[in-house]
Protein backbone atom coordinates (compact mmCIF):
# COMPACT_ATOMS: atom_id res chain seq x y z
CA MET A 1 22.94 -1.99 7.40
CA THR A 2 21.06 -0.32 4.55
CA ILE A 3 19.52 3.07 3.77
CA GLU A 4 18.67 3.61 0.09
CA PHE A 5 16.80 6.10 -2.07
CA ALA A 6 14.24 3.98 -3.94
CA ARG A 7 14.04 3.98 -7.72
CA THR A 8 10.65 3.97 -9.47
CA VAL A 9 9.38 1.59 -12.15
CA SER A 10 6.32 2.57 -14.21
CA VAL A 11 4.02 -0.29 -15.22
CA PRO A 12 1.47 0.10 -18.07
CA ARG A 13 -2.08 -1.04 -17.26
CA PRO A 14 -5.27 -0.78 -19.36
CA TRP A 15 -6.94 1.11 -16.52
CA GLY A 16 -4.02 3.49 -15.97
CA VAL A 17 -3.53 7.18 -16.76
CA VAL A 18 -1.54 8.99 -19.42
CA GLY A 19 0.88 11.56 -18.01
CA GLY A 20 -0.47 11.48 -14.48
CA SER A 21 -0.40 14.55 -12.27
CA PHE A 22 2.24 15.96 -9.96
CA PRO A 23 3.96 14.34 -8.17
CA PHE A 24 3.08 11.03 -9.83
CA THR A 25 3.91 11.95 -13.41
CA THR A 26 5.32 9.35 -15.77
CA ASP A 27 7.58 9.41 -18.83
CA ASP A 28 5.17 7.17 -20.67
CA ASP A 29 5.12 8.40 -24.31
CA GLY A 30 1.34 8.23 -24.38
CA VAL A 31 1.16 4.84 -22.64
CA ALA A 32 -1.39 4.48 -19.83
CA ILE A 33 0.57 3.89 -16.61
CA GLY A 34 -1.33 2.18 -13.80
CA GLU A 35 1.41 1.45 -11.29
CA ILE A 36 4.53 3.20 -10.05
CA ARG A 37 6.56 0.62 -8.13
CA TYR A 38 9.29 1.51 -5.66
CA GLU A 39 12.31 -0.77 -5.84
CA ARG A 40 15.75 -0.94 -4.32
CA PRO A 41 18.45 0.56 -6.56
CA GLY A 42 21.05 -1.55 -8.32
CA GLN A 43 21.10 -5.32 -8.03
CA PRO A 44 20.29 -6.27 -4.42
CA VAL A 45 21.25 -9.76 -3.28
CA SER A 46 17.68 -10.52 -2.27
CA GLU A 47 14.29 -8.95 -2.98
CA PRO A 48 12.38 -7.29 -0.18
CA SER A 49 9.39 -9.22 1.16
CA LEU A 50 7.16 -6.16 0.72
CA LEU A 51 6.23 -4.15 -2.35
CA LEU A 52 5.33 -0.45 -2.16
CA LYS A 53 3.57 1.14 -5.10
CA ILE A 54 1.25 3.88 -6.31
CA LEU A 55 -1.90 2.95 -8.25
CA LEU A 56 -3.26 5.50 -10.77
CA THR A 57 -6.73 4.74 -12.14
CA SER A 58 -8.76 6.20 -14.99
CA GLN A 59 -11.03 3.15 -15.17
CA PRO A 60 -12.10 0.48 -12.66
CA LEU A 61 -9.69 -2.37 -12.06
CA SER A 62 -10.87 -5.94 -12.38
CA ILE A 63 -12.81 -7.59 -9.58
CA GLN A 64 -10.22 -9.99 -8.18
CA VAL A 65 -8.85 -11.98 -5.28
CA HIS A 66 -5.39 -13.08 -4.11
CA PRO A 67 -4.38 -16.36 -2.44
CA ASP A 68 -3.01 -16.66 1.08
CA ASP A 69 0.42 -18.09 1.88
CA ALA A 70 -0.81 -21.65 2.40
CA TYR A 71 -2.54 -21.88 -0.97
CA ALA A 72 0.27 -20.09 -2.81
CA GLN A 73 2.90 -22.41 -1.37
CA SER A 74 0.76 -25.45 -2.21
CA ILE A 75 1.09 -24.56 -5.91
CA GLY A 76 4.80 -23.73 -5.72
CA LEU A 77 4.68 -19.96 -5.14
CA PRO A 78 6.72 -18.31 -2.37
CA SER A 79 3.87 -16.31 -0.81
CA GLY A 80 0.30 -15.13 -1.09
CA LYS A 81 -0.79 -11.52 -1.19
CA THR A 82 -2.26 -9.47 1.61
CA GLU A 83 -2.33 -5.74 0.91
CA ALA A 84 -3.49 -2.39 2.28
CA TRP A 85 -4.42 0.87 0.56
CA TYR A 86 -4.04 4.52 1.54
CA VAL A 87 -6.09 6.91 -0.59
CA VAL A 88 -3.75 9.70 -1.69
CA SER A 89 -6.42 11.44 -3.76
CA ALA A 90 -9.97 10.68 -4.87
CA ALA A 91 -12.34 12.38 -7.27
CA ALA A 92 -15.92 12.97 -6.17
CA GLY A 93 -17.81 9.68 -6.29
CA ALA A 94 -14.69 7.50 -6.27
CA LYS A 95 -15.23 4.07 -4.74
CA VAL A 96 -13.67 0.71 -3.95
CA ALA A 97 -15.20 -2.72 -3.36
CA ILE A 98 -14.31 -4.92 -0.39
CA GLY A 99 -16.01 -8.28 0.02
CA LEU A 100 -19.54 -9.13 -1.13
CA ASN A 101 -22.89 -7.86 0.06
CA GLN A 102 -24.11 -11.44 0.57
CA GLN A 103 -22.77 -14.93 1.18
CA MET A 104 -22.59 -16.96 -2.02
CA THR A 105 -22.46 -20.66 -2.80
CA PRO A 106 -19.97 -21.85 -5.41
CA GLU A 107 -22.82 -22.37 -7.87
CA HIS A 108 -24.20 -18.86 -7.33
CA PHE A 109 -20.68 -17.46 -7.58
CA ARG A 110 -20.09 -19.09 -10.99
CA GLU A 111 -23.48 -17.88 -12.27
CA SER A 112 -22.81 -14.31 -11.15
CA VAL A 113 -19.48 -14.32 -12.99
CA GLN A 114 -21.04 -15.72 -16.15
CA ASP A 115 -23.89 -13.19 -16.27
CA GLY A 116 -21.81 -10.25 -14.99
CA SER A 117 -23.97 -9.65 -11.91
CA ILE A 118 -20.89 -10.09 -9.69
CA SER A 119 -20.16 -6.42 -10.41
CA THR A 120 -23.27 -5.47 -8.41
CA ILE A 121 -22.79 -8.09 -5.69
CA VAL A 122 -19.39 -6.80 -4.57
CA ALA A 123 -19.71 -4.33 -1.69
CA TRP A 124 -18.84 -0.94 -3.17
CA GLN A 125 -18.12 1.90 -0.76
CA PRO A 126 -17.16 5.54 -1.33
CA VAL A 127 -13.65 6.66 -0.41
CA SER A 128 -11.95 10.00 0.00
CA THR A 129 -8.44 11.29 0.57
CA GLY A 130 -6.86 9.81 3.70
CA ASP A 131 -9.02 6.69 3.86
CA VAL A 132 -7.33 3.36 4.54
CA VAL A 133 -8.50 -0.10 3.52
CA SER A 134 -7.05 -3.42 4.66
CA VAL A 135 -7.36 -6.25 2.13
CA PRO A 136 -6.41 -9.64 3.61
CA ALA A 137 -5.66 -12.48 1.20
CA GLY A 138 -8.89 -14.18 0.13
CA THR A 139 -10.90 -10.93 0.09
CA ILE A 140 -12.76 -10.25 -3.16
CA HIS A 141 -12.05 -6.63 -4.02
CA ALA A 142 -11.85 -3.96 -6.70
CA ILE A 143 -10.65 -0.38 -7.11
CA GLY A 144 -12.73 2.16 -9.01
CA ALA A 145 -11.75 4.95 -11.38
CA ASP A 146 -10.23 8.36 -10.59
CA LEU A 147 -8.11 7.32 -7.62
CA VAL A 148 -4.48 7.62 -6.58
CA ILE A 149 -3.72 4.94 -4.00
CA ALA A 150 -0.54 4.06 -2.13
CA GLU A 151 -0.43 0.29 -1.67
CA ILE A 152 1.76 -1.87 0.55
CA GLN A 153 1.59 -5.59 -0.12
CA GLN A 154 3.36 -8.89 0.13
CA ARG A 155 5.68 -9.20 -2.84
CA SER A 156 3.48 -11.30 -5.10
CA ASP A 157 1.77 -10.66 -8.43
CA THR A 158 -0.62 -13.62 -8.14
CA THR A 159 -4.07 -12.29 -9.00
CA TYR A 160 -7.20 -14.23 -9.87
CA ARG A 161 -9.51 -12.06 -11.99
CA ILE A 162 -13.24 -12.62 -11.60
CA PHE A 163 -14.72 -9.80 -13.71
CA ASP A 164 -12.84 -7.45 -16.03
CA HIS A 165 -15.34 -4.94 -17.44
CA GLY A 166 -15.24 -6.39 -20.96
CA ARG A 167 -11.46 -6.12 -21.41
CA LYS A 168 -11.33 -9.73 -22.66
CA ARG A 169 -8.38 -10.68 -20.46
CA GLU A 170 -8.31 -14.16 -18.99
CA LEU A 171 -10.53 -14.84 -15.96
CA HIS A 172 -9.59 -17.31 -13.21
CA VAL A 173 -12.96 -18.35 -11.79
CA GLU A 174 -12.03 -21.78 -10.41
CA SER A 175 -8.82 -20.53 -8.82
CA ALA A 176 -10.75 -17.64 -7.31
CA LEU A 177 -13.31 -20.04 -5.88
CA ALA A 178 -10.50 -22.04 -4.27
CA VAL A 179 -9.11 -19.06 -2.36
CA ALA A 180 -11.95 -16.55 -1.92
CA ASN A 181 -14.06 -15.75 1.09
CA ALA A 182 -17.26 -15.44 -0.98
CA GLY A 183 -19.14 -13.31 1.51
CA PRO A 184 -19.22 -9.98 3.36
CA MET A 185 -16.03 -8.46 4.73
CA VAL A 186 -15.65 -8.55 8.49
CA VAL A 187 -16.09 -5.09 10.01
CA GLN A 188 -12.69 -3.66 10.88
CA ALA A 189 -11.48 -1.25 13.51
CA ARG A 190 -10.35 2.31 12.89
CA PRO A 191 -6.77 3.63 12.89
CA LEU A 192 -5.12 4.05 16.26
CA ALA A 193 -2.94 6.94 17.47
CA LEU A 194 0.30 5.56 18.89
CA THR A 195 1.84 8.98 19.58
CA ASP A 196 1.18 12.53 18.41
CA GLU A 197 3.27 11.73 15.33
CA ARG A 198 2.39 8.08 14.61
CA THR A 199 -0.98 6.65 13.55
CA LEU A 200 -1.29 2.90 13.16
CA LEU A 201 -3.30 2.14 10.02
CA VAL A 202 -2.93 -1.62 9.54
CA SER A 203 -1.10 -4.32 11.48
CA ASN A 204 -0.91 -8.00 10.53
CA THR A 205 1.68 -10.77 10.40
CA HIS A 206 2.96 -9.51 7.03
CA PHE A 207 3.38 -5.78 7.59
CA VAL A 208 2.71 -2.80 9.82
CA PHE A 209 1.42 0.32 8.05
CA GLU A 210 1.56 3.75 9.71
CA ARG A 211 1.10 7.42 8.88
CA LEU A 212 3.66 9.90 10.21
CA ARG A 213 3.15 13.63 10.77
CA LEU A 214 6.37 15.37 11.81
CA ALA A 215 6.57 19.03 12.76
CA SER A 216 8.73 21.47 10.82
CA GLY A 217 12.31 21.87 11.95
CA THR A 218 12.37 18.70 14.07
CA ALA A 219 14.91 15.87 13.99
CA TRP A 220 14.20 12.15 14.47
CA TRP A 221 15.68 8.68 14.53
CA LEU A 222 13.74 6.00 12.67
CA GLU A 223 14.71 2.56 13.93
CA ALA A 224 14.62 0.34 10.83
CA ALA A 225 15.50 -2.95 12.48
CA ARG A 226 13.18 -4.75 10.05
CA GLU A 227 12.63 -4.23 6.33
CA THR A 228 11.23 -0.68 6.17
CA TRP A 229 9.73 1.59 3.52
CA LEU A 230 9.07 5.33 3.92
CA LEU A 231 6.93 7.15 1.32
CA VAL A 232 6.69 10.95 1.44
CA LEU A 233 3.17 12.33 0.94
CA GLY A 234 3.91 15.96 1.72
CA GLY A 235 6.72 18.27 2.85
CA LEU A 236 10.49 18.12 2.63
CA ALA A 237 13.15 16.37 4.70
CA HIS A 238 16.71 15.14 4.68
CA VAL A 239 16.52 11.38 5.25
CA GLY A 240 19.74 9.45 5.64
CA SER A 241 21.94 11.00 2.95
CA SER A 242 19.04 12.00 0.63
CA ASP A 243 16.83 15.05 0.28
CA VAL A 244 13.27 13.82 -0.18
CA THR A 245 10.01 15.44 -1.19
CA THR A 246 6.50 14.39 -2.15
CA GLY A 247 6.49 11.10 -4.07
CA ASP A 248 9.97 9.98 -2.97
CA ALA A 249 10.59 6.77 -1.03
CA ILE A 250 13.36 5.36 1.15
CA PHE A 251 14.20 1.71 1.81
CA ALA A 252 16.03 0.80 5.01
CA GLN A 253 16.88 -2.35 6.93
CA SER A 254 18.97 -3.12 10.02
CA ASP A 255 19.84 0.54 10.39
CA ARG A 256 18.94 3.78 12.14
CA VAL A 257 17.66 6.48 9.79
CA ASN A 258 18.16 10.15 10.63
CA ILE A 259 15.27 12.40 9.56
CA ASN A 260 15.66 16.19 9.56
CA VAL A 261 12.32 17.79 8.72
CA GLY A 262 12.10 20.87 6.50
CA PRO A 263 10.16 24.10 7.07
CA ASP A 264 6.81 22.71 5.88
CA GLY A 265 6.78 19.62 8.08
CA LEU A 266 6.55 16.07 6.78
CA ILE A 267 3.66 13.69 6.11
CA ALA A 268 4.72 10.17 5.19
CA LEU A 269 3.62 6.56 5.11
CA LEU A 270 5.77 4.04 6.98
CA ALA A 271 5.60 0.31 6.30
CA TYR A 272 7.72 -2.43 7.82
CA SER A 273 7.71 -6.19 8.32
CA GLY A 274 4.85 -7.23 10.58
CA VAL A 275 6.43 -10.06 12.55
CA GLY A 276 6.36 -8.85 16.14
CA GLY A 277 3.72 -6.17 15.55
CA PRO A 278 4.21 -2.39 15.80
CA ILE A 279 7.64 -1.33 17.08
CA PRO A 280 7.11 0.73 20.27
CA HIS A 281 10.01 3.15 19.80
CA ALA A 282 10.36 3.04 16.01
CA LEU A 283 10.36 6.84 15.87
CA GLN A 284 12.37 8.83 18.41
CA ARG A 285 12.71 12.60 18.49
CA ILE A 286 16.22 13.93 18.89
CA THR A 287 16.39 16.70 21.47
CA GLN A 288 18.82 19.60 21.38
CA ALA A 289 21.11 17.61 23.65
CA GLY A 290 21.19 14.86 21.01
CA SER A 291 19.34 12.21 22.99
CA PRO A 292 16.04 10.58 21.98
CA ASP A 293 12.77 11.72 23.53
CA LEU A 294 10.80 8.46 23.90
CA LYS A 295 7.00 8.51 23.70
CA PHE A 296 4.68 5.54 23.29
CA ASP A 297 1.62 4.24 25.09
CA GLU A 298 2.69 0.63 25.66
CA THR A 299 -0.74 -0.25 27.07
CA MET A 300 -2.35 0.16 23.65
CA PRO A 301 -3.73 -3.00 22.01
CA GLU A 302 -2.21 -4.26 18.79
CA PRO A 303 -5.13 -4.86 16.40
CA SER A 304 -4.86 -7.42 13.63
CA SER A 305 -6.10 -5.09 10.89
CA PHE A 306 -7.66 -1.71 10.41
CA THR A 307 -9.86 0.19 8.01
CA ALA A 308 -10.32 3.92 8.22
CA ALA A 309 -12.54 5.12 6.30
CA THR A 310 -1.47 13.55 0.58
CA THR A 311 0.35 13.74 -2.05
CA GLY A 312 7.31 14.87 -6.41
CA GLY A 313 9.94 12.85 -6.80
CA GLY A 314 13.04 14.96 -6.90
CA ASN A 315 15.84 12.62 -7.89
CA GLN A 316 14.19 9.29 -8.60
CA ARG A 317 15.43 7.11 -11.40
CA LYS A 318 12.43 6.00 -13.46
CA GLU A 319 11.93 2.92 -15.57
CA ILE A 320 9.00 1.67 -17.60
CA ILE A 321 8.02 -1.98 -17.86
CA ARG A 322 6.60 -2.57 -21.32
């Protein structure tokens, strides 16, 4: 039984930001920070299977692709990397790329990497605050500049870069060819309202990703039977034994988490292990009598993935990976 206030780890990236903006500020001493990772405190016996992080971009990231579980395990890695993004903030004109705008042969793919035309063949699309993008393993993708994105992913750092905007880092063209779906992304469904408070953003075998909107002054039970992450985007609450505000995160597993919402309400992202799909009664309101008020439309379908298409950390302990 576990309920923990997550610590943050700042990771320098060439496309990151210096200083950041509230609530995602970093003690970086002038170093460009591109990721803020949420980790369990102390020395846990085992790592979580999911990784929650914030991406902060001042420049475009590389065009890249991640392997699936089968390929990763064939080369001795524990897992592949499927991920999903929630746009916390976006400047005017901000964009991401998902898939390609045409099907490509291996020969055409190699040529486009060599001459740089791959940067125009990826399918760029504008994004704005609140948009959600599902990125299954094998999807060629990129994130543009001037974005703050909350990302949930399988816990893997295996990335095959295809194009890196002249940064002269190593490219992994042959590995990318081995794992990539070198064509357009399949059209995905939109988010689905599960209750007045819960919106299903993405659901797959690896994780379920939801957005929560809880009214001010209300009390809830969050059933964290599986590995669970809660990231606060707005408002105040007392969660477990911690006071949380924008930018804070909670890790829980095999436990019931009490949430007492503050006067401004609470907006949060919820992510948990995807085996078994969305949990029908994961969030239960506590009535004045102290019993849960159950609400869920159990006739709703459970989609495999979704694309749609706010923002700190009071008492987090911060680290920087150099």
